[in-house]
Amino acid sequence: MTALAPQPHRAPEVRRAAPFGPNVFASVMGTGIVATAGASMPGLRTAAGFVWALDAALLVFLVVAALRRWTWATVREQLADPVMAQFWGAPPMALMTVGTGAVLLGSDWIGMPAALALDWTLWTLGTLLGLATSVLVPLRMIGSGERAFGGWLMPVVPPMVSAASGAVLAGHLPEGSFRQTVVLGCYALFGISLFATVVIVPQIWQRLVQHGLGAASTVPTLWIVLGPLGQSITAANLLSGVPVLPGETAFGVLYGTVTWGFALLWMVIAATVTVRTARRGLPFALTWWSFVFPLGTLVTGSSALAARVPSAMFSGVAVVLYGGLVAAWVIVAVRTLGTSRTSFR
C-alpha cells in the first residue's frame, strides 16, 4: 500500500455555507459603531441618533430574516465551515452594539428607563451567545489544520464588547454589591477576550510571514485585529470610570495608552496591505465590513482616553479616525446594498 501524499494547506477563503449567513450581522456592528462613536463627537449627537435608529431597524430586519431562513441544519452547515463559523461572533456583537446605542443615544427617543431595559435585554442575550461562540468555535478549530486569519478573532471578541457595554450599564446602577458584581464580571469578560486575542494574533502574524496574504477577499479581515484592541481600550477606561476597587482608576489610562500605540501600528500595516491589494484587485465581499467596526472601536477607544486624560493627541486622532470611519461606512454600505438584493428575496 502506498501512503497518501499530504495535501498542501490552502489559504483561507470566504466560503459560502449559506446565502444568508451570520456575517450579514457585521453590517449592524458597523452601522452601530458609527452611531456610538458619533455620540462623543461635538455637534453630532442628533445625527448619531438617527444612525442608531437606522441600526436598530436593520437589526430587527436581519433577525426576522434569520428566523425565517435558518434551520438547525443550516446552522450546523455554517458551523461546519471553518471560515463561516468564525462569523458567528457577529450576531452577539450586533445585539450589544444596538443596546449600548440605546442608552447613549436612543434614550433621547424612547426615554432612559426604556433604553436601559432594552440594553439589559440585548446585553444579556449578546453576552450569553458571545460566551458560547468564544468556546464552541475555537473548539471546532482544534485539529482542523486550518491556518489562522483575522476572522479567527470574531468569535472571541464578543466578551470584550460585553465588558465595554456592561460598563455603560454599570454606570447607571446604584453603588452596592450588584454593581460591584457587574463590574467584576465585566473585567472577567475583558480577560477572556484579551488573552484569547494574545493567543490568536501571533498565529495570524506567523501565517502572514510564512505564507503571505492568501486570497484577496481575506485581506480586509486584517482590520479585525483592531477590534479587540480598540474595544479593550474602550472597556478598560469605561470600567475604570465605575470604580469598585481601590486604585483601579489608573488602569484604563495605563493599559489604554500602551495598547493604543500598538493599535495605531497595526492600523498602518493593515492600511498599507489593503492599498497594495486594492491596486491588484480587491473584490467586494461582506468581509469589507471589517474596515468599519474595528476602526470604530479605535475611535471609541481614543475618545475614552481623551475623556480620562484631556489631550489634544487623543481627541485629535479620534476626530480624524471618525472621518475615516464614516467614509468607510458609506462606501461599504452602498456596495452592500448594491449586491444584497437577491439575498433577501
C-alpha atoms as a PDB file:
ATOM      1  CA  MET A   1       0.000   0.000   0.000  1.00  0.00           C
ATOM      2  CA  THR A   2       1.220   3.431  -0.769  1.00  0.00           C
ATOM      3  CA  ALA A   3       0.724   6.207   1.719  1.00  0.00           C
ATOM      4  CA  LEU A   4      -1.386   9.097   0.682  1.00  0.00           C
ATOM      5  CA  ALA A   5       0.661  12.209  -0.012  1.00  0.00           C
ATOM      6  CA  PRO A   6      -0.122  15.033   2.416  1.00  0.00           C
ATOM      7  CA  GLN A   7      -2.310  17.669   0.893  1.00  0.00           C
ATOM      8  CA  PRO A   8      -0.907  21.225   0.867  1.00  0.00           C
ATOM      9  CA  HIS A   9      -2.610  23.748   3.077  1.00  0.00           C
ATOM     10  CA  ARG A  10      -4.816  26.236   1.312  1.00  0.00           C
ATOM     11  CA  ALA A  11      -5.064  29.859   2.247  1.00  0.00           C
ATOM     12  CA  PRO A  12      -8.379  30.599   3.939  1.00  0.00           C
ATOM     13  CA  GLU A  13     -11.102  31.778   1.644  1.00  0.00           C
ATOM     14  CA  VAL A  14     -14.514  33.167   2.483  1.00  0.00           C
ATOM     15  CA  ARG A  15     -16.686  30.209   1.504  1.00  0.00           C
ATOM     16  CA  ARG A  16     -20.418  30.477   1.290  1.00  0.00           C
ATOM     17  CA  ALA A  17     -22.022  27.933   3.579  1.00  0.00           C
ATOM     18  CA  ALA A  18     -25.416  29.561   3.023  1.00  0.00           C
ATOM     19  CA  PRO A  19     -26.774  32.518   1.033  1.00  0.00           C
ATOM     20  CA  PHE A  20     -27.650  34.213   4.296  1.00  0.00           C
ATOM     21  CA  GLY A  21     -25.009  33.690   6.976  1.00  0.00           C
ATOM     22  CA  PRO A  22     -24.142  35.221  10.345  1.00  0.00           C
ATOM     23  CA  ASN A  23     -21.664  37.533   8.618  1.00  0.00           C
ATOM     24  CA  VAL A  24     -24.559  39.764   7.498  1.00  0.00           C
ATOM     25  CA  PHE A  25     -24.799  40.964  11.106  1.00  0.00           C
ATOM     26  CA  ALA A  26     -21.450  42.700  10.610  1.00  0.00           C
ATOM     27  CA  SER A  27     -23.488  45.436   8.903  1.00  0.00           C
ATOM     28  CA  VAL A  28     -25.304  46.046  12.198  1.00  0.00           C
ATOM     29  CA  MET A  29     -21.993  46.162  14.042  1.00  0.00           C
ATOM     30  CA  GLY A  30     -20.527  48.641  11.565  1.00  0.00           C
ATOM     31  CA  THR A  31     -23.585  50.903  11.486  1.00  0.00           C
ATOM     32  CA  GLY A  32     -23.884  50.800  15.268  1.00  0.00           C
ATOM     33  CA  ILE A  33     -20.272  51.803  15.884  1.00  0.00           C
ATOM     34  CA  VAL A  34     -20.756  54.833  13.630  1.00  0.00           C
ATOM     35  CA  ALA A  35     -23.605  55.870  15.928  1.00  0.00           C
ATOM     36  CA  THR A  36     -21.933  55.162  19.287  1.00  0.00           C
ATOM     37  CA  ALA A  37     -18.627  56.708  18.217  1.00  0.00           C
ATOM     38  CA  GLY A  38     -20.524  59.744  16.970  1.00  0.00           C
ATOM     39  CA  ALA A  39     -22.067  60.208  20.414  1.00  0.00           C
ATOM     40  CA  SER A  40     -18.712  61.530  21.659  1.00  0.00           C
ATOM     41  CA  MET A  41     -18.133  63.823  18.669  1.00  0.00           C
ATOM     42  CA  PRO A  42     -19.015  67.515  19.197  1.00  0.00           C
ATOM     43  CA  GLY A  43     -22.225  68.547  17.453  1.00  0.00           C
ATOM     44  CA  LEU A  44     -23.036  65.095  16.044  1.00  0.00           C
ATOM     45  CA  ARG A  45     -25.394  63.724  18.687  1.00  0.00           C
ATOM     46  CA  THR A  46     -28.569  64.279  16.667  1.00  0.00           C
ATOM     47  CA  ALA A  47     -27.117  62.756  13.508  1.00  0.00           C
ATOM     48  CA  ALA A  48     -25.704  59.854  15.517  1.00  0.00           C
ATOM     49  CA  GLY A  49     -29.171  59.285  16.992  1.00  0.00           C
ATOM     50  CA  PHE A  50     -30.647  58.861  13.519  1.00  0.00           C
ATOM     51  CA  VAL A  51     -27.883  56.378  12.641  1.00  0.00           C
ATOM     52  CA  TRP A  52     -28.713  54.425  15.802  1.00  0.00           C
ATOM     53  CA  ALA A  53     -32.399  54.321  14.829  1.00  0.00           C
ATOM     54  CA  LEU A  54     -31.395  53.030  11.386  1.00  0.00           C
ATOM     55  CA  ASP A  55     -29.192  50.420  13.027  1.00  0.00           C
ATOM     56  CA  ALA A  56     -31.959  49.250  15.361  1.00  0.00           C
ATOM     57  CA  ALA A  57     -34.289  48.841  12.369  1.00  0.00           C
ATOM     58  CA  LEU A  58     -31.583  46.943  10.491  1.00  0.00           C
ATOM     59  CA  LEU A  59     -31.129  44.583  13.433  1.00  0.00           C
ATOM     60  CA  VAL A  60     -34.847  43.839  13.576  1.00  0.00           C
ATOM     61  CA  PHE A  61     -34.919  43.218   9.826  1.00  0.00           C
ATOM     62  CA  LEU A  62     -31.977  40.802   9.920  1.00  0.00           C
ATOM     63  CA  VAL A  63     -33.259  38.922  12.975  1.00  0.00           C
ATOM     64  CA  VAL A  64     -36.639  38.390  11.265  1.00  0.00           C
ATOM     65  CA  ALA A  65     -34.874  37.290   8.073  1.00  0.00           C
ATOM     66  CA  ALA A  66     -32.679  34.883  10.037  1.00  0.00           C
ATOM     67  CA  LEU A  67     -35.662  33.363  11.838  1.00  0.00           C
ATOM     68  CA  ARG A  68     -37.370  32.824   8.500  1.00  0.00           C
ATOM     69  CA  ARG A  69     -34.356  31.344   6.712  1.00  0.00           C
ATOM     70  CA  TRP A  70     -32.282  29.488   9.275  1.00  0.00           C
ATOM     71  CA  THR A  71     -32.978  25.942  10.372  1.00  0.00           C
ATOM     72  CA  TRP A  72     -30.903  23.772  12.656  1.00  0.00           C
ATOM     73  CA  ALA A  73     -29.480  22.103   9.536  1.00  0.00           C
ATOM     74  CA  THR A  74     -28.474  25.499   8.168  1.00  0.00           C
ATOM     75  CA  VAL A  75     -26.768  26.476  11.390  1.00  0.00           C
ATOM     76  CA  ARG A  76     -24.891  23.164  11.517  1.00  0.00           C
ATOM     77  CA  GLU A  77     -23.745  23.691   7.940  1.00  0.00           C
ATOM     78  CA  GLN A  78     -22.452  27.154   8.777  1.00  0.00           C
ATOM     79  CA  LEU A  79     -20.670  25.908  11.889  1.00  0.00           C
ATOM     80  CA  ALA A  80     -19.096  23.109   9.849  1.00  0.00           C
ATOM     81  CA  ASP A  81     -17.489  25.629   7.527  1.00  0.00           C
ATOM     82  CA  PRO A  82     -14.141  26.653   9.085  1.00  0.00           C
ATOM     83  CA  VAL A  83     -14.466  30.214   7.789  1.00  0.00           C
ATOM     84  CA  MET A  84     -18.188  30.926   8.090  1.00  0.00           C
ATOM     85  CA  ALA A  85     -18.152  29.509  11.626  1.00  0.00           C
ATOM     86  CA  GLN A  86     -15.910  32.373  12.755  1.00  0.00           C
ATOM     87  CA  PHE A  87     -18.556  34.933  11.866  1.00  0.00           C
ATOM     88  CA  TRP A  88     -20.971  33.599  14.445  1.00  0.00           C
ATOM     89  CA  GLY A  89     -19.294  36.188  16.630  1.00  0.00           C
ATOM     90  CA  ALA A  90     -21.122  38.889  14.660  1.00  0.00           C
ATOM     91  CA  PRO A  91     -24.728  38.368  15.919  1.00  0.00           C
ATOM     92  CA  PRO A  92     -23.919  38.797  19.639  1.00  0.00           C
ATOM     93  CA  MET A  93     -21.845  41.913  18.932  1.00  0.00           C
ATOM     94  CA  ALA A  94     -24.655  43.291  16.768  1.00  0.00           C
ATOM     95  CA  LEU A  95     -27.122  42.859  19.644  1.00  0.00           C
ATOM     96  CA  MET A  96     -24.893  44.609  22.159  1.00  0.00           C
ATOM     97  CA  THR A  97     -23.957  47.427  19.793  1.00  0.00           C
ATOM     98  CA  VAL A  98     -27.611  48.339  19.358  1.00  0.00           C
ATOM     99  CA  GLY A  99     -28.183  48.006  23.105  1.00  0.00           C
ATOM    100  CA  THR A 100     -25.341  50.350  24.015  1.00  0.00           C
ATOM    101  CA  GLY A 101     -26.546  52.829  21.426  1.00  0.00           C
ATOM    102  CA  ALA A 102     -29.965  52.754  23.057  1.00  0.00           C
ATOM    103  CA  VAL A 103     -28.509  54.115  26.311  1.00  0.00           C
ATOM    104  CA  LEU A 104     -26.063  56.561  24.706  1.00  0.00           C
ATOM    105  CA  LEU A 105     -28.412  57.882  22.013  1.00  0.00           C
ATOM    106  CA  GLY A 106     -31.760  56.113  21.921  1.00  0.00           C
ATOM    107  CA  SER A 107     -32.689  57.459  25.346  1.00  0.00           C
ATOM    108  CA  ASP A 108     -33.364  60.781  23.602  1.00  0.00           C
ATOM    109  CA  TRP A 109     -36.069  58.999  21.607  1.00  0.00           C
ATOM    110  CA  ILE A 110     -37.540  56.415  23.965  1.00  0.00           C
ATOM    111  CA  GLY A 111     -36.513  57.664  27.408  1.00  0.00           C
ATOM    112  CA  MET A 112     -33.804  56.316  29.697  1.00  0.00           C
ATOM    113  CA  PRO A 113     -35.909  53.663  31.510  1.00  0.00           C
ATOM    114  CA  ALA A 114     -36.908  52.015  28.218  1.00  0.00           C
ATOM    115  CA  ALA A 115     -33.375  52.383  26.859  1.00  0.00           C
ATOM    116  CA  LEU A 116     -31.894  50.670  29.921  1.00  0.00           C
ATOM    117  CA  ALA A 117     -34.447  47.855  29.734  1.00  0.00           C
ATOM    118  CA  LEU A 118     -33.616  47.317  26.058  1.00  0.00           C
ATOM    119  CA  ASP A 119     -29.890  47.430  26.723  1.00  0.00           C
ATOM    120  CA  TRP A 120     -30.054  44.945  29.609  1.00  0.00           C
ATOM    121  CA  THR A 121     -32.015  42.546  27.399  1.00  0.00           C
ATOM    122  CA  LEU A 122     -29.690  42.800  24.400  1.00  0.00           C
ATOM    123  CA  TRP A 123     -26.577  42.769  26.601  1.00  0.00           C
ATOM    124  CA  THR A 124     -27.700  39.595  28.370  1.00  0.00           C
ATOM    125  CA  LEU A 125     -28.548  37.810  25.122  1.00  0.00           C
ATOM    126  CA  GLY A 126     -25.367  39.026  23.434  1.00  0.00           C
ATOM    127  CA  THR A 127     -23.166  38.071  26.366  1.00  0.00           C
ATOM    128  CA  LEU A 128     -24.565  34.544  26.585  1.00  0.00           C
ATOM    129  CA  LEU A 129     -24.279  33.998  22.833  1.00  0.00           C
ATOM    130  CA  GLY A 130     -20.808  35.554  22.806  1.00  0.00           C
ATOM    131  CA  LEU A 131     -19.602  33.241  25.564  1.00  0.00           C
ATOM    132  CA  ALA A 132     -20.914  30.314  23.532  1.00  0.00           C
ATOM    133  CA  THR A 133     -19.074  31.383  20.383  1.00  0.00           C
ATOM    134  CA  SER A 134     -15.856  32.052  22.303  1.00  0.00           C
ATOM    135  CA  VAL A 135     -15.872  28.414  23.450  1.00  0.00           C
ATOM    136  CA  LEU A 136     -17.554  26.418  20.693  1.00  0.00           C
ATOM    137  CA  VAL A 137     -15.894  27.924  17.625  1.00  0.00           C
ATOM    138  CA  PRO A 138     -12.284  27.655  18.901  1.00  0.00           C
ATOM    139  CA  LEU A 139     -13.052  24.080  19.984  1.00  0.00           C
ATOM    140  CA  ARG A 140     -14.268  23.361  16.454  1.00  0.00           C
ATOM    141  CA  MET A 141     -10.900  24.548  15.073  1.00  0.00           C
ATOM    142  CA  ILE A 142      -8.790  22.163  17.184  1.00  0.00           C
ATOM    143  CA  GLY A 143      -7.182  19.641  14.862  1.00  0.00           C
ATOM    144  CA  SER A 144      -8.725  21.214  11.756  1.00  0.00           C
ATOM    145  CA  GLY A 145      -5.353  22.029  10.188  1.00  0.00           C
ATOM    146  CA  GLU A 146      -6.664  25.431   9.096  1.00  0.00           C
ATOM    147  CA  ARG A 147      -4.360  28.418   9.042  1.00  0.00           C
ATOM    148  CA  ALA A 148      -5.198  31.391  11.219  1.00  0.00           C
ATOM    149  CA  PHE A 149      -6.596  34.553   9.633  1.00  0.00           C
ATOM    150  CA  GLY A 150      -8.157  37.696  11.016  1.00  0.00           C
ATOM    151  CA  GLY A 151     -11.599  36.124  11.161  1.00  0.00           C
ATOM    152  CA  TRP A 152     -10.432  33.832  13.966  1.00  0.00           C
ATOM    153  CA  LEU A 153     -10.826  36.804  16.293  1.00  0.00           C
ATOM    154  CA  MET A 154     -14.527  37.231  15.547  1.00  0.00           C
ATOM    155  CA  PRO A 155     -15.846  34.560  17.942  1.00  0.00           C
ATOM    156  CA  VAL A 156     -13.643  35.730  20.843  1.00  0.00           C
ATOM    157  CA  VAL A 157     -14.243  39.491  20.589  1.00  0.00           C
ATOM    158  CA  PRO A 158     -17.860  39.430  21.902  1.00  0.00           C
ATOM    159  CA  PRO A 159     -16.797  39.126  25.573  1.00  0.00           C
ATOM    160  CA  MET A 160     -14.770  42.334  25.151  1.00  0.00           C
ATOM    161  CA  VAL A 161     -17.828  44.059  23.695  1.00  0.00           C
ATOM    162  CA  SER A 162     -19.754  42.727  26.701  1.00  0.00           C
ATOM    163  CA  ALA A 163     -17.165  44.284  29.021  1.00  0.00           C
ATOM    164  CA  ALA A 164     -17.460  47.714  27.402  1.00  0.00           C
ATOM    165  CA  SER A 165     -21.253  47.566  27.113  1.00  0.00           C
ATOM    166  CA  GLY A 166     -21.562  46.256  30.656  1.00  0.00           C
ATOM    167  CA  ALA A 167     -19.537  49.189  31.940  1.00  0.00           C
ATOM    168  CA  VAL A 168     -22.092  51.563  30.407  1.00  0.00           C
ATOM    169  CA  LEU A 169     -24.887  49.698  32.177  1.00  0.00           C
ATOM    170  CA  ALA A 170     -22.964  49.565  35.464  1.00  0.00           C
ATOM    171  CA  GLY A 171     -22.659  53.338  35.398  1.00  0.00           C
ATOM    172  CA  HIS A 172     -26.439  53.526  35.790  1.00  0.00           C
ATOM    173  CA  LEU A 173     -26.545  51.156  38.759  1.00  0.00           C
ATOM    174  CA  PRO A 174     -26.570  52.390  42.369  1.00  0.00           C
ATOM    175  CA  GLU A 175     -23.500  51.705  44.453  1.00  0.00           C
ATOM    176  CA  GLY A 176     -23.602  48.329  46.103  1.00  0.00           C
ATOM    177  CA  SER A 177     -22.857  44.666  45.708  1.00  0.00           C
ATOM    178  CA  PHE A 178     -24.772  44.221  42.452  1.00  0.00           C
ATOM    179  CA  ARG A 179     -22.850  46.995  40.727  1.00  0.00           C
ATOM    180  CA  GLN A 180     -19.604  45.541  42.037  1.00  0.00           C
ATOM    181  CA  THR A 181     -20.578  42.117  40.705  1.00  0.00           C
ATOM    182  CA  VAL A 182     -21.389  43.517  37.272  1.00  0.00           C
ATOM    183  CA  VAL A 183     -18.090  45.421  37.061  1.00  0.00           C
ATOM    184  CA  LEU A 184     -16.001  42.474  38.252  1.00  0.00           C
ATOM    185  CA  GLY A 185     -17.863  40.221  35.828  1.00  0.00           C
ATOM    186  CA  CYS A 186     -17.013  42.656  33.036  1.00  0.00           C
ATOM    187  CA  TYR A 187     -13.349  42.508  33.997  1.00  0.00           C
ATOM    188  CA  ALA A 188     -13.554  38.715  33.732  1.00  0.00           C
ATOM    189  CA  LEU A 189     -15.125  39.044  30.273  1.00  0.00           C
ATOM    190  CA  PHE A 190     -12.340  41.511  29.428  1.00  0.00           C
ATOM    191  CA  GLY A 191      -9.790  38.849  30.352  1.00  0.00           C
ATOM    192  CA  ILE A 192     -11.460  36.131  28.284  1.00  0.00           C
ATOM    193  CA  SER A 193     -11.217  38.172  25.117  1.00  0.00           C
ATOM    194  CA  LEU A 194      -7.844  39.770  25.866  1.00  0.00           C
ATOM    195  CA  PHE A 195      -5.934  36.538  26.425  1.00  0.00           C
ATOM    196  CA  ALA A 196      -7.674  34.775  23.543  1.00  0.00           C
ATOM    197  CA  THR A 197      -6.511  37.678  21.362  1.00  0.00           C
ATOM    198  CA  VAL A 198      -2.972  37.361  22.720  1.00  0.00           C
ATOM    199  CA  VAL A 199      -3.016  33.700  21.626  1.00  0.00           C
ATOM    200  CA  ILE A 200      -4.507  34.264  18.162  1.00  0.00           C
ATOM    201  CA  VAL A 201      -2.757  37.411  16.873  1.00  0.00           C
ATOM    202  CA  PRO A 202       0.738  35.811  16.835  1.00  0.00           C
ATOM    203  CA  GLN A 203      -0.699  32.960  14.732  1.00  0.00           C
ATOM    204  CA  ILE A 204      -2.089  35.479  12.252  1.00  0.00           C
ATOM    205  CA  TRP A 205       1.276  37.211  12.022  1.00  0.00           C
ATOM    206  CA  GLN A 206       3.096  33.893  11.613  1.00  0.00           C
ATOM    207  CA  ARG A 207       0.823  32.936   8.724  1.00  0.00           C
ATOM    208  CA  LEU A 208       1.432  36.282   7.035  1.00  0.00           C
ATOM    209  CA  VAL A 209       5.190  35.925   7.364  1.00  0.00           C
ATOM    210  CA  GLN A 210       5.379  32.290   6.276  1.00  0.00           C
ATOM    211  CA  HIS A 211       2.580  32.026   3.725  1.00  0.00           C
ATOM    212  CA  GLY A 212       1.725  35.548   2.600  1.00  0.00           C
ATOM    213  CA  LEU A 213      -1.643  37.251   2.383  1.00  0.00           C
ATOM    214  CA  GLY A 214      -3.648  34.482   0.743  1.00  0.00           C
ATOM    215  CA  ALA A 215      -6.892  35.231  -1.079  1.00  0.00           C
ATOM    216  CA  ALA A 216      -7.610  38.917  -1.678  1.00  0.00           C
ATOM    217  CA  SER A 217     -11.058  38.523  -0.100  1.00  0.00           C
ATOM    218  CA  THR A 218      -9.446  37.808   3.289  1.00  0.00           C
ATOM    219  CA  VAL A 219      -7.259  40.933   3.321  1.00  0.00           C
ATOM    220  CA  PRO A 220      -9.966  43.108   4.949  1.00  0.00           C
ATOM    221  CA  THR A 221     -10.023  40.681   7.888  1.00  0.00           C
ATOM    222  CA  LEU A 222      -6.600  42.000   8.918  1.00  0.00           C
ATOM    223  CA  TRP A 223      -8.505  45.009  10.240  1.00  0.00           C
ATOM    224  CA  ILE A 224     -10.374  42.756  12.672  1.00  0.00           C
ATOM    225  CA  VAL A 225      -7.251  42.795  14.858  1.00  0.00           C
ATOM    226  CA  LEU A 226      -8.149  46.400  15.679  1.00  0.00           C
ATOM    227  CA  GLY A 227     -11.471  45.177  17.113  1.00  0.00           C
ATOM    228  CA  PRO A 228     -10.254  43.594  20.359  1.00  0.00           C
ATOM    229  CA  LEU A 229      -7.519  46.231  20.676  1.00  0.00           C
ATOM    230  CA  GLY A 230      -9.770  49.274  20.324  1.00  0.00           C
ATOM    231  CA  GLN A 231     -12.619  47.697  22.251  1.00  0.00           C
ATOM    232  CA  SER A 232     -10.288  46.753  25.108  1.00  0.00           C
ATOM    233  CA  ILE A 233      -9.118  50.377  25.361  1.00  0.00           C
ATOM    234  CA  THR A 234     -12.752  51.472  25.487  1.00  0.00           C
ATOM    235  CA  ALA A 235     -13.686  48.814  28.037  1.00  0.00           C
ATOM    236  CA  ALA A 236     -10.687  49.485  30.303  1.00  0.00           C
ATOM    237  CA  ASN A 237     -11.475  53.189  30.543  1.00  0.00           C
ATOM    238  CA  LEU A 238     -15.229  52.759  30.916  1.00  0.00           C
ATOM    239  CA  LEU A 239     -14.723  50.196  33.672  1.00  0.00           C
ATOM    240  CA  SER A 240     -12.206  52.446  35.411  1.00  0.00           C
ATOM    241  CA  GLY A 241     -14.873  55.123  35.371  1.00  0.00           C
ATOM    242  CA  VAL A 242     -17.075  52.905  37.567  1.00  0.00           C
ATOM    243  CA  PRO A 243     -14.555  52.209  40.336  1.00  0.00           C
ATOM    244  CA  VAL A 244     -15.354  49.376  42.714  1.00  0.00           C
ATOM    245  CA  LEU A 245     -11.784  48.542  43.739  1.00  0.00           C
ATOM    246  CA  PRO A 246      -9.044  50.758  45.249  1.00  0.00           C
ATOM    247  CA  GLY A 247      -6.555  52.138  42.738  1.00  0.00           C
ATOM    248  CA  GLU A 248      -8.249  50.836  39.601  1.00  0.00           C
ATOM    249  CA  THR A 249      -8.901  54.252  38.059  1.00  0.00           C
ATOM    250  CA  ALA A 250      -5.378  54.431  36.604  1.00  0.00           C
ATOM    251  CA  PHE A 251      -5.687  51.047  34.904  1.00  0.00           C
ATOM    252  CA  GLY A 252      -7.686  52.342  31.946  1.00  0.00           C
ATOM    253  CA  VAL A 253      -5.206  55.082  31.076  1.00  0.00           C
ATOM    254  CA  LEU A 254      -2.088  52.959  31.521  1.00  0.00           C
ATOM    255  CA  TYR A 255      -3.391  49.919  29.684  1.00  0.00           C
ATOM    256  CA  GLY A 256      -5.231  52.001  27.104  1.00  0.00           C
ATOM    257  CA  THR A 257      -2.280  54.182  26.109  1.00  0.00           C
ATOM    258  CA  VAL A 258       0.065  51.229  25.630  1.00  0.00           C
ATOM    259  CA  THR A 259      -2.496  49.294  23.598  1.00  0.00           C
ATOM    260  CA  TRP A 260      -3.455  52.417  21.651  1.00  0.00           C
ATOM    261  CA  GLY A 261       0.094  52.703  20.349  1.00  0.00           C
ATOM    262  CA  PHE A 262       0.126  49.117  19.078  1.00  0.00           C
ATOM    263  CA  ALA A 263      -3.336  49.552  17.560  1.00  0.00           C
ATOM    264  CA  LEU A 264      -2.119  52.522  15.526  1.00  0.00           C
ATOM    265  CA  LEU A 265       0.850  50.466  14.336  1.00  0.00           C
ATOM    266  CA  TRP A 266      -1.423  47.632  13.236  1.00  0.00           C
ATOM    267  CA  MET A 267      -3.752  50.086  11.513  1.00  0.00           C
ATOM    268  CA  VAL A 268      -0.877  51.404   9.404  1.00  0.00           C
ATOM    269  CA  ILE A 269       0.192  47.865   8.493  1.00  0.00           C
ATOM    270  CA  ALA A 270      -3.352  46.828   7.600  1.00  0.00           C
ATOM    271  CA  ALA A 271      -3.935  50.001   5.574  1.00  0.00           C
ATOM    272  CA  THR A 272      -0.701  49.523   3.619  1.00  0.00           C
ATOM    273  CA  VAL A 273      -1.517  45.900   2.812  1.00  0.00           C
ATOM    274  CA  THR A 274      -5.073  46.868   1.805  1.00  0.00           C
ATOM    275  CA  VAL A 275      -3.882  49.589  -0.573  1.00  0.00           C
ATOM    276  CA  ARG A 276      -1.374  47.248  -2.203  1.00  0.00           C
ATOM    277  CA  THR A 277      -4.030  44.575  -2.644  1.00  0.00           C
ATOM    278  CA  ALA A 278      -6.577  47.058  -3.999  1.00  0.00           C
ATOM    279  CA  ARG A 279      -4.164  48.029  -6.744  1.00  0.00           C
ATOM    280  CA  ARG A 280      -4.189  44.417  -7.956  1.00  0.00           C
ATOM    281  CA  GLY A 281      -7.921  43.984  -7.383  1.00  0.00           C
ATOM    282  CA  LEU A 282      -9.946  43.698  -4.205  1.00  0.00           C
ATOM    283  CA  PRO A 283     -13.341  42.102  -4.953  1.00  0.00           C
ATOM    284  CA  PHE A 284     -16.245  43.191  -2.803  1.00  0.00           C
ATOM    285  CA  ALA A 285     -17.431  40.774  -0.131  1.00  0.00           C
ATOM    286  CA  LEU A 286     -19.101  41.107   3.240  1.00  0.00           C
ATOM    287  CA  THR A 287     -15.598  40.965   4.717  1.00  0.00           C
ATOM    288  CA  TRP A 288     -15.404  44.655   3.738  1.00  0.00           C
ATOM    289  CA  TRP A 289     -17.364  45.368   6.923  1.00  0.00           C
ATOM    290  CA  SER A 290     -14.065  44.526   8.627  1.00  0.00           C
ATOM    291  CA  PHE A 291     -12.989  48.027   7.587  1.00  0.00           C
ATOM    292  CA  VAL A 292     -15.763  49.571   9.693  1.00  0.00           C
ATOM    293  CA  PHE A 293     -16.420  48.134  13.165  1.00  0.00           C
ATOM    294  CA  PRO A 294     -12.752  47.553  14.115  1.00  0.00           C
ATOM    295  CA  LEU A 295     -11.834  51.086  13.069  1.00  0.00           C
ATOM    296  CA  GLY A 296     -14.819  52.352  15.046  1.00  0.00           C
ATOM    297  CA  THR A 297     -13.534  50.672  18.213  1.00  0.00           C
ATOM    298  CA  LEU A 298     -10.300  52.625  17.832  1.00  0.00           C
ATOM    299  CA  VAL A 299     -12.376  55.808  17.626  1.00  0.00           C
ATOM    300  CA  THR A 300     -14.276  54.950  20.809  1.00  0.00           C
ATOM    301  CA  GLY A 301     -11.025  53.914  22.478  1.00  0.00           C
ATOM    302  CA  SER A 302      -9.365  57.208  21.571  1.00  0.00           C
ATOM    303  CA  SER A 303     -12.412  59.131  22.780  1.00  0.00           C
ATOM    304  CA  ALA A 304     -12.436  57.173  26.041  1.00  0.00           C
ATOM    305  CA  LEU A 305      -8.778  58.031  26.623  1.00  0.00           C
ATOM    306  CA  ALA A 306      -9.453  61.691  25.802  1.00  0.00           C
ATOM    307  CA  ALA A 307     -12.266  61.710  28.374  1.00  0.00           C
ATOM    308  CA  ARG A 308      -9.967  60.317  31.062  1.00  0.00           C
ATOM    309  CA  VAL A 309      -6.887  62.387  30.179  1.00  0.00           C
ATOM    310  CA  PRO A 310      -7.761  65.625  28.356  1.00  0.00           C
ATOM    311  CA  SER A 311      -5.285  65.547  25.489  1.00  0.00           C
ATOM    312  CA  ALA A 312      -5.294  67.056  22.030  1.00  0.00           C
ATOM    313  CA  MET A 313      -3.470  63.932  20.841  1.00  0.00           C
ATOM    314  CA  PHE A 314      -6.265  61.529  21.750  1.00  0.00           C
ATOM    315  CA  SER A 315      -9.144  63.825  20.800  1.00  0.00           C
ATOM    316  CA  GLY A 316      -7.493  64.862  17.525  1.00  0.00           C
ATOM    317  CA  VAL A 317      -6.863  61.264  16.474  1.00  0.00           C
ATOM    318  CA  ALA A 318     -10.455  60.378  17.421  1.00  0.00           C
ATOM    319  CA  VAL A 319     -11.854  63.106  15.149  1.00  0.00           C
ATOM    320  CA  VAL A 320      -9.603  62.162  12.212  1.00  0.00           C
ATOM    321  CA  LEU A 321     -10.373  58.460  12.552  1.00  0.00           C
ATOM    322  CA  TYR A 322     -14.090  59.183  12.830  1.00  0.00           C
ATOM    323  CA  GLY A 323     -13.955  60.933   9.482  1.00  0.00           C
ATOM    324  CA  GLY A 324     -12.348  57.833   8.003  1.00  0.00           C
ATOM    325  CA  LEU A 325     -14.920  55.638   9.754  1.00  0.00           C
ATOM    326  CA  VAL A 326     -17.868  57.488   8.239  1.00  0.00           C
ATOM    327  CA  ALA A 327     -16.279  57.352   4.775  1.00  0.00           C
ATOM    328  CA  ALA A 328     -15.665  53.614   5.096  1.00  0.00           C
ATOM    329  CA  TRP A 329     -19.213  53.028   6.320  1.00  0.00           C
ATOM    330  CA  VAL A 330     -20.760  54.911   3.402  1.00  0.00           C
ATOM    331  CA  ILE A 331     -18.675  53.042   0.830  1.00  0.00           C
ATOM    332  CA  VAL A 332     -19.280  49.592   2.313  1.00  0.00           C
ATOM    333  CA  ALA A 333     -22.985  50.229   2.950  1.00  0.00           C
ATOM    334  CA  VAL A 334     -23.550  51.342  -0.643  1.00  0.00           C
ATOM    335  CA  ARG A 335     -21.690  48.324  -2.017  1.00  0.00           C
ATOM    336  CA  THR A 336     -23.621  46.006   0.295  1.00  0.00           C
ATOM    337  CA  LEU A 337     -26.985  47.425  -0.792  1.00  0.00           C
ATOM    338  CA  GLY A 338     -25.972  47.035  -4.416  1.00  0.00           C
ATOM    339  CA  THR A 339     -25.164  43.334  -4.061  1.00  0.00           C
ATOM    340  CA  SER A 340     -27.628  42.097  -1.433  1.00  0.00           C
ATOM    341  CA  ARG A 341     -30.960  42.374  -3.229  1.00  0.00           C
ATOM    342  CA  THR A 342     -31.060  38.732  -4.270  1.00  0.00           C
ATOM    343  CA  SER A 343     -30.162  37.551  -0.753  1.00  0.00           C
ATOM    344  CA  PHE A 344     -33.442  38.799   0.729  1.00  0.00           C
ATOM    345  CA  ARG A 345     -35.883  37.796  -1.975  1.00  0.00           C
END
